[in-house]
Amino acid sequence: MAAILLAEDERAINNLMAANLRLVGHQCDQAFTGQETLAKAGRRPYDLVLLDVMLPGTDGFAVKAKLPADLPVIFVTARTNLGDKLRGLGLGAEDYIVKPFEILELLARVETVLRRTRSGSPVFRFQDIQVDLAAHRVLRAGQEVALTPQEYALLETLVLNRNLALSRDKLLEIAWGYDYQGETRTVDVHIQRLRRKLGLEKEIQTVYKIGYRLNTREG
């Protein structure tokens, strides 16, 4: 996936973001001050920086101004002032996320920025499955799998949040839309269809009393 630098001085938040980004397949380095962020950004290339504004020493705005102009940045901050948001976006940031935030929202915004800034079509590969996230096309052992639009939306939600346990309500919210008024049993029906069509009976796991998870980890 992507190489991401996390610049956040609150260790618990930094560790939480890193753990979840790693679960879905990203490689993460962590920094806790402005100077450490600049030092790490100078040592290796990154696909994205998640940057807190209120960093010790050199603040996030100053850090952004010193980073390469072509390095995508998402500000992640508790500062809700419109002027701060406009300043961050004016410096060239791709997005501005206000704390507190839901991890799934963070993952979705990261995915959106990566799709926009990285070349090539985003393709998820797992076992004999290929999911072309741009073309909404799914292959199994090289053969196209016919999915309904709703089945594909559910699969994409599982793929983008792989290894995370998602409740039925959350799956309905993301894959069906906020205004969906159906029962959560429809999630179970669609999960069974995906398992059968893709041969992922063991990998699309039922999480007891929660919902489902696409497990892509070995062991």
N, C-alpha and C. Protein backbone atom coordinates (compact mmCIF):
# COMPACT_ATOMS: atom_id res chain seq x y z
N MET A 1 0.84 -1.19 0.00
CA MET A 1 0.00 0.00 0.00
C MET A 1 0.88 1.25 0.00
N ALA A 2 0.75 2.09 1.04
CA ALA A 2 1.45 3.37 1.02
C ALA A 2 2.39 3.51 2.20
N ALA A 3 3.41 4.35 2.02
CA ALA A 3 4.32 4.73 3.11
C ALA A 3 3.83 6.05 3.68
N ILE A 4 3.47 6.04 4.96
CA ILE A 4 2.84 7.20 5.60
C ILE A 4 3.65 7.62 6.81
N LEU A 5 3.85 8.92 6.95
CA LEU A 5 4.51 9.49 8.12
C LEU A 5 3.45 10.13 9.00
N LEU A 6 3.39 9.71 10.27
CA LEU A 6 2.44 10.25 11.23
C LEU A 6 3.15 11.24 12.14
N ALA A 7 2.70 12.48 12.14
CA ALA A 7 3.30 13.52 12.98
C ALA A 7 2.25 13.99 13.98
N GLU A 8 2.33 13.47 15.19
CA GLU A 8 1.34 13.73 16.24
C GLU A 8 2.03 13.60 17.59
N ASP A 9 1.95 14.64 18.42
CA ASP A 9 2.70 14.61 19.68
C ASP A 9 1.98 13.83 20.78
N GLU A 10 0.66 13.63 20.67
CA GLU A 10 -0.04 12.81 21.66
C GLU A 10 0.18 11.35 21.31
N ARG A 11 0.98 10.67 22.14
CA ARG A 11 1.43 9.32 21.80
C ARG A 11 0.27 8.35 21.61
N ALA A 12 -0.78 8.46 22.44
CA ALA A 12 -1.90 7.53 22.33
C ALA A 12 -2.60 7.68 20.98
N ILE A 13 -2.80 8.92 20.54
CA ILE A 13 -3.44 9.15 19.24
C ILE A 13 -2.54 8.68 18.11
N ASN A 14 -1.24 8.99 18.21
CA ASN A 14 -0.29 8.57 17.20
C ASN A 14 -0.29 7.04 17.07
N ASN A 15 -0.24 6.36 18.22
CA ASN A 15 -0.21 4.89 18.20
C ASN A 15 -1.51 4.31 17.66
N LEU A 16 -2.65 4.93 17.99
CA LEU A 16 -3.94 4.46 17.49
C LEU A 16 -4.02 4.57 15.97
N MET A 17 -3.60 5.73 15.44
CA MET A 17 -3.61 5.90 13.99
C MET A 17 -2.68 4.91 13.33
N ALA A 18 -1.48 4.75 13.89
CA ALA A 18 -0.50 3.84 13.30
C ALA A 18 -1.01 2.41 13.28
N ALA A 19 -1.61 1.97 14.39
CA ALA A 19 -2.09 0.59 14.48
C ALA A 19 -3.15 0.30 13.43
N ASN A 20 -4.08 1.23 13.25
CA ASN A 20 -5.16 1.00 12.30
C ASN A 20 -4.71 1.13 10.86
N LEU A 21 -3.81 2.06 10.58
CA LEU A 21 -3.27 2.18 9.22
C LEU A 21 -2.46 0.95 8.85
N ARG A 22 -1.73 0.39 9.81
CA ARG A 22 -0.96 -0.84 9.55
C ARG A 22 -1.88 -2.03 9.33
N LEU A 23 -2.99 -2.08 10.06
CA LEU A 23 -3.93 -3.17 9.89
C LEU A 23 -4.45 -3.26 8.47
N VAL A 24 -4.69 -2.10 7.84
CA VAL A 24 -5.22 -2.13 6.48
C VAL A 24 -4.12 -2.18 5.43
N GLY A 25 -2.86 -2.31 5.88
CA GLY A 25 -1.78 -2.59 4.94
C GLY A 25 -0.76 -1.51 4.69
N HIS A 26 -0.91 -0.35 5.32
CA HIS A 26 0.05 0.73 5.10
C HIS A 26 1.29 0.54 5.96
N GLN A 27 2.40 1.13 5.52
CA GLN A 27 3.64 1.14 6.30
C GLN A 27 3.76 2.52 6.93
N CYS A 28 3.89 2.56 8.24
CA CYS A 28 3.85 3.84 8.95
C CYS A 28 5.13 4.08 9.76
N ASP A 29 5.63 5.30 9.68
CA ASP A 29 6.65 5.80 10.60
C ASP A 29 6.01 6.87 11.47
N GLN A 30 6.50 7.01 12.71
CA GLN A 30 5.89 7.93 13.66
C GLN A 30 6.88 9.01 14.08
N ALA A 31 6.37 10.23 14.17
CA ALA A 31 7.15 11.37 14.67
C ALA A 31 6.30 12.11 15.68
N PHE A 32 6.97 12.78 16.64
CA PHE A 32 6.24 13.40 17.75
C PHE A 32 6.55 14.89 17.91
N THR A 33 7.46 15.40 17.12
CA THR A 33 7.77 16.84 17.13
C THR A 33 7.91 17.32 15.70
N GLY A 34 7.90 18.64 15.54
CA GLY A 34 8.07 19.20 14.21
C GLY A 34 9.43 18.88 13.62
N GLN A 35 10.46 19.00 14.41
CA GLN A 35 11.81 18.74 13.92
C GLN A 35 12.01 17.28 13.55
N GLU A 36 11.45 16.38 14.37
CA GLU A 36 11.55 14.95 14.05
C GLU A 36 10.82 14.64 12.75
N THR A 37 9.69 15.30 12.53
CA THR A 37 8.95 15.11 11.29
C THR A 37 9.78 15.50 10.08
N LEU A 38 10.40 16.67 10.15
CA LEU A 38 11.22 17.14 9.04
C LEU A 38 12.42 16.24 8.82
N ALA A 39 13.02 15.77 9.91
CA ALA A 39 14.19 14.89 9.79
C ALA A 39 13.81 13.58 9.10
N LYS A 40 12.70 12.99 9.51
CA LYS A 40 12.29 11.71 8.92
C LYS A 40 11.86 11.90 7.47
N ALA A 41 11.19 13.00 7.19
CA ALA A 41 10.76 13.25 5.80
C ALA A 41 11.95 13.46 4.88
N GLY A 42 13.07 13.89 5.44
CA GLY A 42 14.27 14.09 4.64
C GLY A 42 15.08 12.83 4.40
N ARG A 43 14.76 11.76 5.11
CA ARG A 43 15.55 10.54 5.02
C ARG A 43 15.01 9.54 4.00
N ARG A 44 13.71 9.59 3.73
CA ARG A 44 13.12 8.61 2.82
C ARG A 44 11.86 9.20 2.20
N PRO A 45 11.44 8.67 1.05
CA PRO A 45 10.21 9.19 0.42
C PRO A 45 8.96 8.63 1.10
N TYR A 46 7.96 9.47 1.20
CA TYR A 46 6.66 9.05 1.71
C TYR A 46 5.58 9.36 0.68
N ASP A 47 4.50 8.60 0.78
CA ASP A 47 3.34 8.86 -0.08
C ASP A 47 2.40 9.87 0.54
N LEU A 48 2.48 10.04 1.87
CA LEU A 48 1.53 10.90 2.57
C LEU A 48 2.06 11.21 3.96
N VAL A 49 1.76 12.42 4.45
CA VAL A 49 2.05 12.80 5.83
C VAL A 49 0.74 13.19 6.51
N LEU A 50 0.47 12.61 7.66
CA LEU A 50 -0.63 13.04 8.52
C LEU A 50 -0.02 13.95 9.58
N LEU A 51 -0.41 15.21 9.57
CA LEU A 51 0.34 16.24 10.27
C LEU A 51 -0.54 17.00 11.27
N ASP A 52 -0.17 16.92 12.54
CA ASP A 52 -0.84 17.71 13.56
C ASP A 52 -0.36 19.16 13.45
N VAL A 53 -1.25 20.11 13.74
CA VAL A 53 -0.85 21.52 13.71
C VAL A 53 -0.04 21.88 14.94
N MET A 54 -0.50 21.43 16.11
CA MET A 54 0.12 21.86 17.37
C MET A 54 1.22 20.91 17.80
N LEU A 55 2.29 20.86 17.00
CA LEU A 55 3.46 20.05 17.33
C LEU A 55 4.43 20.85 18.18
N PRO A 56 5.14 20.21 19.10
CA PRO A 56 6.17 20.92 19.87
C PRO A 56 7.28 21.43 18.96
N GLY A 57 7.84 22.57 19.33
CA GLY A 57 8.93 23.13 18.53
C GLY A 57 8.40 23.81 17.29
N THR A 58 8.60 23.18 16.16
CA THR A 58 8.10 23.70 14.89
C THR A 58 6.68 23.23 14.68
N ASP A 59 5.72 24.17 14.56
CA ASP A 59 4.33 23.73 14.45
C ASP A 59 4.04 23.17 13.06
N GLY A 60 2.83 22.57 12.93
CA GLY A 60 2.50 21.88 11.69
C GLY A 60 2.47 22.77 10.47
N PHE A 61 2.02 24.02 10.62
CA PHE A 61 2.00 24.92 9.48
C PHE A 61 3.42 25.19 8.99
N ALA A 62 4.34 25.41 9.93
CA ALA A 62 5.73 25.66 9.55
C ALA A 62 6.37 24.41 8.94
N VAL A 63 5.99 23.24 9.48
CA VAL A 63 6.51 21.98 8.93
C VAL A 63 6.04 21.81 7.49
N LYS A 64 4.75 22.05 7.25
CA LYS A 64 4.20 21.91 5.90
C LYS A 64 4.93 22.81 4.92
N ALA A 65 5.25 24.01 5.33
CA ALA A 65 5.93 24.96 4.45
C ALA A 65 7.33 24.49 4.07
N LYS A 66 7.93 23.65 4.93
CA LYS A 66 9.30 23.17 4.68
C LYS A 66 9.35 21.81 3.99
N LEU A 67 8.21 21.12 3.92
CA LEU A 67 8.18 19.83 3.25
C LEU A 67 8.17 20.03 1.73
N PRO A 68 8.60 19.02 0.96
CA PRO A 68 8.52 19.13 -0.50
C PRO A 68 7.10 19.44 -0.95
N ALA A 69 6.97 20.30 -1.91
CA ALA A 69 5.65 20.74 -2.36
C ALA A 69 4.82 19.60 -2.92
N ASP A 70 5.48 18.57 -3.45
CA ASP A 70 4.73 17.46 -4.06
C ASP A 70 4.44 16.32 -3.08
N LEU A 71 4.75 16.51 -1.79
CA LEU A 71 4.47 15.49 -0.78
C LEU A 71 3.08 15.76 -0.20
N PRO A 72 2.11 14.88 -0.44
CA PRO A 72 0.75 15.12 0.05
C PRO A 72 0.69 15.16 1.58
N VAL A 73 -0.11 16.07 2.10
CA VAL A 73 -0.27 16.26 3.54
C VAL A 73 -1.75 16.35 3.88
N ILE A 74 -2.14 15.66 4.94
CA ILE A 74 -3.45 15.85 5.55
C ILE A 74 -3.22 16.39 6.96
N PHE A 75 -3.77 17.56 7.25
CA PHE A 75 -3.70 18.07 8.62
C PHE A 75 -4.71 17.32 9.48
N VAL A 76 -4.28 16.90 10.66
CA VAL A 76 -5.14 16.25 11.65
C VAL A 76 -4.97 17.02 12.95
N THR A 77 -5.99 17.75 13.36
CA THR A 77 -5.79 18.71 14.43
C THR A 77 -7.06 18.96 15.22
N ALA A 78 -6.89 19.44 16.44
CA ALA A 78 -8.03 19.83 17.28
C ALA A 78 -8.46 21.26 17.00
N ARG A 79 -7.74 21.98 16.17
CA ARG A 79 -8.06 23.38 15.90
C ARG A 79 -9.18 23.46 14.88
N THR A 80 -10.33 23.94 15.34
CA THR A 80 -11.54 23.96 14.51
C THR A 80 -11.79 25.31 13.84
N ASN A 81 -10.97 26.29 14.14
CA ASN A 81 -11.16 27.63 13.60
C ASN A 81 -11.11 27.61 12.07
N LEU A 82 -12.07 28.28 11.44
CA LEU A 82 -12.10 28.32 9.98
C LEU A 82 -10.83 28.92 9.41
N GLY A 83 -10.28 29.93 10.09
CA GLY A 83 -9.05 30.55 9.61
C GLY A 83 -7.90 29.56 9.57
N ASP A 84 -7.81 28.67 10.58
CA ASP A 84 -6.76 27.65 10.59
C ASP A 84 -6.95 26.67 9.43
N LYS A 85 -8.22 26.28 9.21
CA LYS A 85 -8.49 25.35 8.10
C LYS A 85 -8.12 25.97 6.77
N LEU A 86 -8.50 27.21 6.57
CA LEU A 86 -8.17 27.89 5.31
C LEU A 86 -6.66 28.06 5.15
N ARG A 87 -6.00 28.33 6.27
CA ARG A 87 -4.54 28.47 6.21
C ARG A 87 -3.89 27.16 5.80
N GLY A 88 -4.36 26.06 6.41
CA GLY A 88 -3.79 24.75 6.08
C GLY A 88 -4.01 24.37 4.63
N LEU A 89 -5.23 24.57 4.16
CA LEU A 89 -5.52 24.25 2.76
C LEU A 89 -4.80 25.21 1.82
N GLY A 90 -4.64 26.46 2.27
CA GLY A 90 -3.91 27.43 1.46
C GLY A 90 -2.44 27.09 1.31
N LEU A 91 -1.90 26.37 2.29
CA LEU A 91 -0.51 25.92 2.21
C LEU A 91 -0.35 24.73 1.27
N GLY A 92 -1.48 24.22 0.79
CA GLY A 92 -1.41 23.11 -0.17
C GLY A 92 -1.78 21.76 0.38
N ALA A 93 -2.31 21.71 1.61
CA ALA A 93 -2.71 20.43 2.17
C ALA A 93 -3.85 19.82 1.36
N GLU A 94 -3.89 18.50 1.30
CA GLU A 94 -4.93 17.80 0.56
C GLU A 94 -6.25 17.75 1.32
N ASP A 95 -6.16 17.79 2.66
CA ASP A 95 -7.36 17.68 3.48
C ASP A 95 -7.05 18.22 4.88
N TYR A 96 -8.11 18.41 5.66
CA TYR A 96 -7.99 18.97 7.02
C TYR A 96 -9.02 18.25 7.87
N ILE A 97 -8.55 17.38 8.77
CA ILE A 97 -9.42 16.56 9.61
C ILE A 97 -9.38 17.10 11.03
N VAL A 98 -10.55 17.30 11.61
CA VAL A 98 -10.65 17.86 12.95
C VAL A 98 -10.85 16.73 13.97
N LYS A 99 -10.10 16.79 15.06
CA LYS A 99 -10.29 15.86 16.17
C LYS A 99 -11.48 16.31 17.01
N PRO A 100 -12.18 15.37 17.65
CA PRO A 100 -12.01 13.91 17.51
C PRO A 100 -12.61 13.41 16.20
N PHE A 101 -12.08 12.31 15.71
CA PHE A 101 -12.55 11.75 14.45
C PHE A 101 -12.73 10.24 14.62
N GLU A 102 -13.55 9.66 13.75
CA GLU A 102 -13.69 8.21 13.72
C GLU A 102 -12.56 7.63 12.87
N ILE A 103 -12.01 6.52 13.33
CA ILE A 103 -10.91 5.89 12.60
C ILE A 103 -11.33 5.55 11.17
N LEU A 104 -12.56 5.09 10.98
CA LEU A 104 -13.00 4.74 9.63
C LEU A 104 -13.05 5.96 8.73
N GLU A 105 -13.38 7.12 9.29
CA GLU A 105 -13.36 8.35 8.50
C GLU A 105 -11.93 8.69 8.09
N LEU A 106 -11.00 8.57 9.04
CA LEU A 106 -9.59 8.82 8.74
C LEU A 106 -9.12 7.91 7.62
N LEU A 107 -9.41 6.61 7.72
CA LEU A 107 -8.99 5.66 6.70
C LEU A 107 -9.58 6.01 5.34
N ALA A 108 -10.84 6.43 5.33
CA ALA A 108 -11.48 6.78 4.06
C ALA A 108 -10.84 8.01 3.44
N ARG A 109 -10.53 9.00 4.26
CA ARG A 109 -9.92 10.21 3.71
C ARG A 109 -8.51 9.95 3.23
N VAL A 110 -7.78 9.10 3.94
CA VAL A 110 -6.44 8.71 3.50
C VAL A 110 -6.53 8.02 2.15
N GLU A 111 -7.48 7.11 2.01
CA GLU A 111 -7.65 6.39 0.74
C GLU A 111 -7.99 7.35 -0.39
N THR A 112 -8.85 8.33 -0.12
CA THR A 112 -9.24 9.30 -1.15
C THR A 112 -8.04 10.10 -1.63
N VAL A 113 -7.22 10.55 -0.70
CA VAL A 113 -6.03 11.33 -1.07
C VAL A 113 -5.04 10.47 -1.83
N LEU A 114 -4.83 9.23 -1.39
CA LEU A 114 -3.88 8.36 -2.08
C LEU A 114 -4.34 8.06 -3.50
N ARG A 115 -5.63 7.87 -3.69
CA ARG A 115 -6.13 7.62 -5.04
C ARG A 115 -5.90 8.83 -5.93
N ARG A 116 -6.03 10.02 -5.35
CA ARG A 116 -5.90 11.25 -6.14
C ARG A 116 -4.44 11.56 -6.46
N THR A 117 -3.53 11.19 -5.58
CA THR A 117 -2.14 11.66 -5.72
C THR A 117 -1.18 10.59 -6.24
N ARG A 118 -1.57 9.35 -6.21
CA ARG A 118 -0.67 8.29 -6.68
C ARG A 118 -1.05 7.89 -8.10
N SER A 119 -0.04 7.57 -8.89
CA SER A 119 -0.28 7.17 -10.28
C SER A 119 -0.70 5.71 -10.33
N GLY A 120 -1.40 5.37 -11.38
CA GLY A 120 -1.83 3.99 -11.57
C GLY A 120 -3.18 3.71 -10.94
N SER A 121 -3.82 2.66 -11.42
CA SER A 121 -5.13 2.28 -10.91
C SER A 121 -4.96 1.52 -9.60
N PRO A 122 -5.72 1.90 -8.55
CA PRO A 122 -5.60 1.18 -7.28
C PRO A 122 -6.23 -0.21 -7.38
N VAL A 123 -5.42 -1.23 -7.18
CA VAL A 123 -5.89 -2.61 -7.29
C VAL A 123 -5.54 -3.35 -6.00
N PHE A 124 -6.53 -3.99 -5.41
CA PHE A 124 -6.32 -4.81 -4.22
C PHE A 124 -6.21 -6.26 -4.66
N ARG A 125 -5.14 -6.94 -4.23
CA ARG A 125 -4.92 -8.34 -4.58
C ARG A 125 -4.83 -9.17 -3.31
N PHE A 126 -5.58 -10.26 -3.30
CA PHE A 126 -5.59 -11.15 -2.14
C PHE A 126 -5.92 -12.55 -2.64
N GLN A 127 -4.98 -13.49 -2.39
CA GLN A 127 -5.12 -14.85 -2.90
C GLN A 127 -5.35 -14.78 -4.42
N ASP A 128 -6.46 -15.34 -4.92
CA ASP A 128 -6.69 -15.28 -6.37
C ASP A 128 -7.71 -14.20 -6.75
N ILE A 129 -7.92 -13.25 -5.81
CA ILE A 129 -8.90 -12.18 -6.03
C ILE A 129 -8.19 -10.88 -6.38
N GLN A 130 -8.70 -10.17 -7.38
CA GLN A 130 -8.26 -8.82 -7.71
C GLN A 130 -9.46 -7.89 -7.73
N VAL A 131 -9.34 -6.78 -7.01
CA VAL A 131 -10.41 -5.79 -6.99
C VAL A 131 -9.85 -4.49 -7.54
N ASP A 132 -10.30 -4.09 -8.71
CA ASP A 132 -9.90 -2.82 -9.30
C ASP A 132 -10.82 -1.75 -8.73
N LEU A 133 -10.29 -0.95 -7.81
CA LEU A 133 -11.11 0.01 -7.08
C LEU A 133 -11.54 1.19 -7.93
N ALA A 134 -10.82 1.43 -9.02
CA ALA A 134 -11.21 2.54 -9.91
C ALA A 134 -12.29 2.10 -10.89
N ALA A 135 -12.13 0.90 -11.43
CA ALA A 135 -13.07 0.41 -12.44
C ALA A 135 -14.24 -0.35 -11.83
N HIS A 136 -14.21 -0.60 -10.52
CA HIS A 136 -15.26 -1.38 -9.85
C HIS A 136 -15.39 -2.75 -10.51
N ARG A 137 -14.23 -3.40 -10.69
CA ARG A 137 -14.18 -4.68 -11.41
C ARG A 137 -13.50 -5.70 -10.52
N VAL A 138 -14.07 -6.90 -10.43
CA VAL A 138 -13.54 -7.94 -9.55
C VAL A 138 -13.22 -9.18 -10.37
N LEU A 139 -12.02 -9.70 -10.20
CA LEU A 139 -11.59 -10.93 -10.87
C LEU A 139 -11.30 -12.00 -9.84
N ARG A 140 -11.64 -13.23 -10.18
CA ARG A 140 -11.28 -14.39 -9.37
C ARG A 140 -10.59 -15.39 -10.28
N ALA A 141 -9.33 -15.67 -9.98
CA ALA A 141 -8.53 -16.57 -10.82
C ALA A 141 -8.54 -16.11 -12.28
N GLY A 142 -8.51 -14.79 -12.47
CA GLY A 142 -8.45 -14.22 -13.80
C GLY A 142 -9.78 -14.07 -14.50
N GLN A 143 -10.84 -14.57 -13.90
CA GLN A 143 -12.16 -14.48 -14.51
C GLN A 143 -13.00 -13.43 -13.78
N GLU A 144 -13.72 -12.62 -14.55
CA GLU A 144 -14.52 -11.57 -13.93
C GLU A 144 -15.68 -12.17 -13.16
N VAL A 145 -15.90 -11.60 -11.97
CA VAL A 145 -17.00 -12.04 -11.11
C VAL A 145 -18.13 -11.02 -11.22
N ALA A 146 -19.32 -11.49 -11.51
CA ALA A 146 -20.48 -10.60 -11.64
C ALA A 146 -21.03 -10.29 -10.25
N LEU A 147 -20.86 -9.05 -9.82
CA LEU A 147 -21.41 -8.60 -8.55
C LEU A 147 -22.46 -7.53 -8.80
N THR A 148 -23.50 -7.52 -8.00
CA THR A 148 -24.45 -6.42 -8.06
C THR A 148 -23.78 -5.17 -7.51
N PRO A 149 -24.29 -3.98 -7.82
CA PRO A 149 -23.71 -2.76 -7.26
C PRO A 149 -23.64 -2.79 -5.74
N GLN A 150 -24.65 -3.35 -5.08
CA GLN A 150 -24.63 -3.40 -3.62
C GLN A 150 -23.61 -4.40 -3.09
N GLU A 151 -23.46 -5.52 -3.78
CA GLU A 151 -22.44 -6.49 -3.38
C GLU A 151 -21.06 -5.88 -3.52
N TYR A 152 -20.86 -5.15 -4.63
CA TYR A 152 -19.55 -4.51 -4.81
C TYR A 152 -19.30 -3.46 -3.73
N ALA A 153 -20.29 -2.65 -3.40
CA ALA A 153 -20.12 -1.62 -2.38
C ALA A 153 -19.75 -2.24 -1.05
N LEU A 154 -20.35 -3.37 -0.70
CA LEU A 154 -20.02 -4.06 0.54
C LEU A 154 -18.60 -4.61 0.49
N LEU A 155 -18.23 -5.22 -0.65
CA LEU A 155 -16.88 -5.75 -0.79
C LEU A 155 -15.85 -4.64 -0.67
N GLU A 156 -16.09 -3.51 -1.33
CA GLU A 156 -15.14 -2.40 -1.26
C GLU A 156 -14.99 -1.91 0.18
N THR A 157 -16.08 -1.86 0.92
CA THR A 157 -16.02 -1.44 2.32
C THR A 157 -15.15 -2.40 3.13
N LEU A 158 -15.33 -3.69 2.91
CA LEU A 158 -14.51 -4.70 3.60
C LEU A 158 -13.04 -4.59 3.21
N VAL A 159 -12.79 -4.36 1.92
CA VAL A 159 -11.41 -4.27 1.43
C VAL A 159 -10.70 -3.05 2.01
N LEU A 160 -11.35 -1.90 1.96
CA LEU A 160 -10.71 -0.67 2.42
C LEU A 160 -10.50 -0.66 3.93
N ASN A 161 -11.30 -1.46 4.64
CA ASN A 161 -11.18 -1.54 6.10
C ASN A 161 -10.78 -2.94 6.54
N ARG A 162 -10.00 -3.62 5.70
CA ARG A 162 -9.64 -5.00 5.97
C ARG A 162 -8.93 -5.15 7.32
N ASN A 163 -9.19 -6.30 7.93
CA ASN A 163 -8.65 -6.67 9.24
C ASN A 163 -9.27 -5.89 10.40
N LEU A 164 -10.22 -5.02 10.09
CA LEU A 164 -10.95 -4.30 11.13
C LEU A 164 -12.34 -4.92 11.28
N ALA A 165 -12.78 -5.09 12.51
CA ALA A 165 -14.11 -5.61 12.77
C ALA A 165 -15.12 -4.49 12.56
N LEU A 166 -16.09 -4.71 11.68
CA LEU A 166 -17.09 -3.71 11.35
C LEU A 166 -18.46 -4.22 11.78
N SER A 167 -19.18 -3.42 12.52
CA SER A 167 -20.52 -3.81 12.95
C SER A 167 -21.47 -3.81 11.77
N ARG A 168 -22.58 -4.52 11.90
CA ARG A 168 -23.59 -4.51 10.85
C ARG A 168 -24.11 -3.10 10.61
N ASP A 169 -24.33 -2.35 11.70
CA ASP A 169 -24.80 -0.97 11.55
C ASP A 169 -23.80 -0.12 10.79
N LYS A 170 -22.52 -0.31 11.07
CA LYS A 170 -21.49 0.47 10.38
C LYS A 170 -21.42 0.08 8.90
N LEU A 171 -21.56 -1.20 8.61
CA LEU A 171 -21.56 -1.64 7.22
C LEU A 171 -22.77 -1.06 6.47
N LEU A 172 -23.92 -1.03 7.13
CA LEU A 172 -25.08 -0.41 6.51
C LEU A 172 -24.84 1.06 6.25
N GLU A 173 -24.22 1.74 7.22
CA GLU A 173 -23.97 3.18 7.09
C GLU A 173 -23.04 3.48 5.92
N ILE A 174 -21.99 2.67 5.78
CA ILE A 174 -20.98 2.95 4.77
C ILE A 174 -21.39 2.42 3.40
N ALA A 175 -21.79 1.16 3.34
CA ALA A 175 -22.02 0.50 2.05
C ALA A 175 -23.42 0.74 1.49
N TRP A 176 -24.39 1.00 2.37
CA TRP A 176 -25.75 1.23 1.90
C TRP A 176 -26.13 2.71 1.90
N GLY A 177 -25.44 3.49 2.71
CA GLY A 177 -25.75 4.92 2.77
C GLY A 177 -26.45 5.28 4.06
N TYR A 178 -26.26 6.53 4.48
CA TYR A 178 -26.78 6.99 5.76
C TYR A 178 -28.30 6.90 5.85
N ASP A 179 -28.98 6.97 4.72
CA ASP A 179 -30.44 7.01 4.76
C ASP A 179 -31.07 5.64 4.58
N TYR A 180 -30.26 4.58 4.62
CA TYR A 180 -30.82 3.24 4.44
C TYR A 180 -31.66 2.86 5.66
N GLN A 181 -32.89 2.39 5.41
CA GLN A 181 -33.83 2.10 6.49
C GLN A 181 -34.10 0.60 6.65
N GLY A 182 -33.31 -0.23 6.02
CA GLY A 182 -33.55 -1.66 6.09
C GLY A 182 -33.06 -2.27 7.39
N GLU A 183 -33.24 -3.60 7.50
CA GLU A 183 -32.80 -4.32 8.69
C GLU A 183 -31.37 -4.80 8.49
N THR A 184 -30.68 -5.03 9.61
CA THR A 184 -29.28 -5.46 9.52
C THR A 184 -29.15 -6.86 8.93
N ARG A 185 -30.24 -7.64 8.87
CA ARG A 185 -30.16 -8.98 8.30
C ARG A 185 -29.75 -8.95 6.84
N THR A 186 -30.03 -7.85 6.16
CA THR A 186 -29.64 -7.76 4.74
C THR A 186 -28.11 -7.82 4.60
N VAL A 187 -27.38 -7.35 5.62
CA VAL A 187 -25.92 -7.47 5.59
C VAL A 187 -25.52 -8.93 5.57
N ASP A 188 -26.14 -9.75 6.42
CA ASP A 188 -25.82 -11.17 6.49
C ASP A 188 -26.05 -11.85 5.14
N VAL A 189 -27.15 -11.51 4.48
CA VAL A 189 -27.47 -12.10 3.17
C VAL A 189 -26.40 -11.75 2.15
N HIS A 190 -26.00 -10.48 2.11
CA HIS A 190 -24.99 -10.06 1.13
C HIS A 190 -23.60 -10.63 1.46
N ILE A 191 -23.30 -10.78 2.73
CA ILE A 191 -22.03 -11.41 3.12
C ILE A 191 -21.98 -12.84 2.61
N GLN A 192 -23.07 -13.58 2.76
CA GLN A 192 -23.09 -14.96 2.29
C GLN A 192 -22.89 -15.02 0.78
N ARG A 193 -23.48 -14.08 0.05
CA ARG A 193 -23.30 -14.05 -1.41
C ARG A 193 -21.84 -13.80 -1.78
N LEU A 194 -21.20 -12.85 -1.09
CA LEU A 194 -19.79 -12.55 -1.39
C LEU A 194 -18.91 -13.76 -1.07
N ARG A 195 -19.15 -14.38 0.06
CA ARG A 195 -18.36 -15.56 0.41
C ARG A 195 -18.46 -16.62 -0.68
N ARG A 196 -19.66 -16.86 -1.17
CA ARG A 196 -19.88 -17.90 -2.17
C ARG A 196 -19.26 -17.52 -3.51
N LYS A 197 -19.48 -16.30 -3.96
CA LYS A 197 -18.99 -15.88 -5.28
C LYS A 197 -17.47 -15.78 -5.33
N LEU A 198 -16.85 -15.39 -4.21
CA LEU A 198 -15.41 -15.14 -4.20
C LEU A 198 -14.61 -16.26 -3.54
N GLY A 199 -15.28 -17.25 -2.99
CA GLY A 199 -14.58 -18.34 -2.34
C GLY A 199 -13.84 -17.89 -1.09
N LEU A 200 -14.43 -16.95 -0.37
CA LEU A 200 -13.78 -16.39 0.82
C LEU A 200 -14.57 -16.73 2.09
N GLU A 201 -15.01 -18.01 2.16
CA GLU A 201 -15.81 -18.42 3.31
C GLU A 201 -15.05 -18.28 4.62
N LYS A 202 -13.76 -18.55 4.61
CA LYS A 202 -12.97 -18.46 5.84
C LYS A 202 -12.43 -17.04 6.07
N GLU A 203 -12.17 -16.32 4.98
CA GLU A 203 -11.52 -15.01 5.10
C GLU A 203 -12.50 -13.90 5.48
N ILE A 204 -13.74 -13.96 5.01
CA ILE A 204 -14.75 -13.00 5.46
C ILE A 204 -15.34 -13.57 6.74
N GLN A 205 -14.81 -13.14 7.85
CA GLN A 205 -15.08 -13.76 9.14
C GLN A 205 -16.24 -13.09 9.86
N THR A 206 -17.01 -13.90 10.57
CA THR A 206 -18.02 -13.39 11.47
C THR A 206 -17.36 -13.05 12.80
N VAL A 207 -17.54 -11.82 13.27
CA VAL A 207 -17.00 -11.39 14.55
C VAL A 207 -18.13 -11.42 15.57
N TYR A 208 -18.03 -12.28 16.53
CA TYR A 208 -19.11 -12.57 17.47
C TYR A 208 -19.63 -11.30 18.14
N LYS A 209 -20.94 -11.12 18.06
CA LYS A 209 -21.67 -10.00 18.67
C LYS A 209 -21.29 -8.64 18.09
N ILE A 210 -20.53 -8.63 16.98
CA ILE A 210 -20.16 -7.35 16.36
C ILE A 210 -20.63 -7.29 14.91
N GLY A 211 -20.01 -8.10 14.06
CA GLY A 211 -20.34 -8.02 12.64
C GLY A 211 -19.40 -8.89 11.83
N TYR A 212 -18.64 -8.25 10.94
CA TYR A 212 -17.79 -9.01 10.02
C TYR A 212 -16.43 -8.33 9.84
N ARG A 213 -15.47 -9.13 9.34
CA ARG A 213 -14.12 -8.64 9.06
C ARG A 213 -13.56 -9.43 7.89
N LEU A 214 -12.90 -8.73 6.97
CA LEU A 214 -12.12 -9.40 5.94
C LEU A 214 -10.70 -9.56 6.47
N ASN A 215 -10.34 -10.80 6.78
CA ASN A 215 -9.03 -11.08 7.36
C ASN A 215 -8.03 -11.41 6.25
N THR A 216 -7.04 -10.53 6.07
CA THR A 216 -6.02 -10.77 5.03
C THR A 216 -4.66 -11.11 5.64
N ARG A 217 -4.63 -11.23 6.97
CA ARG A 217 -3.37 -11.54 7.64
C ARG A 217 -3.12 -13.03 7.66
N GLU A 218 -1.86 -13.40 7.52
CA GLU A 218 -1.51 -14.82 7.56
C GLU A 218 -1.46 -15.30 9.00
N GLY A 219 -1.78 -16.58 9.18
CA GLY A 219 -1.70 -17.19 10.51
C GLY A 219 -2.97 -16.96 11.32
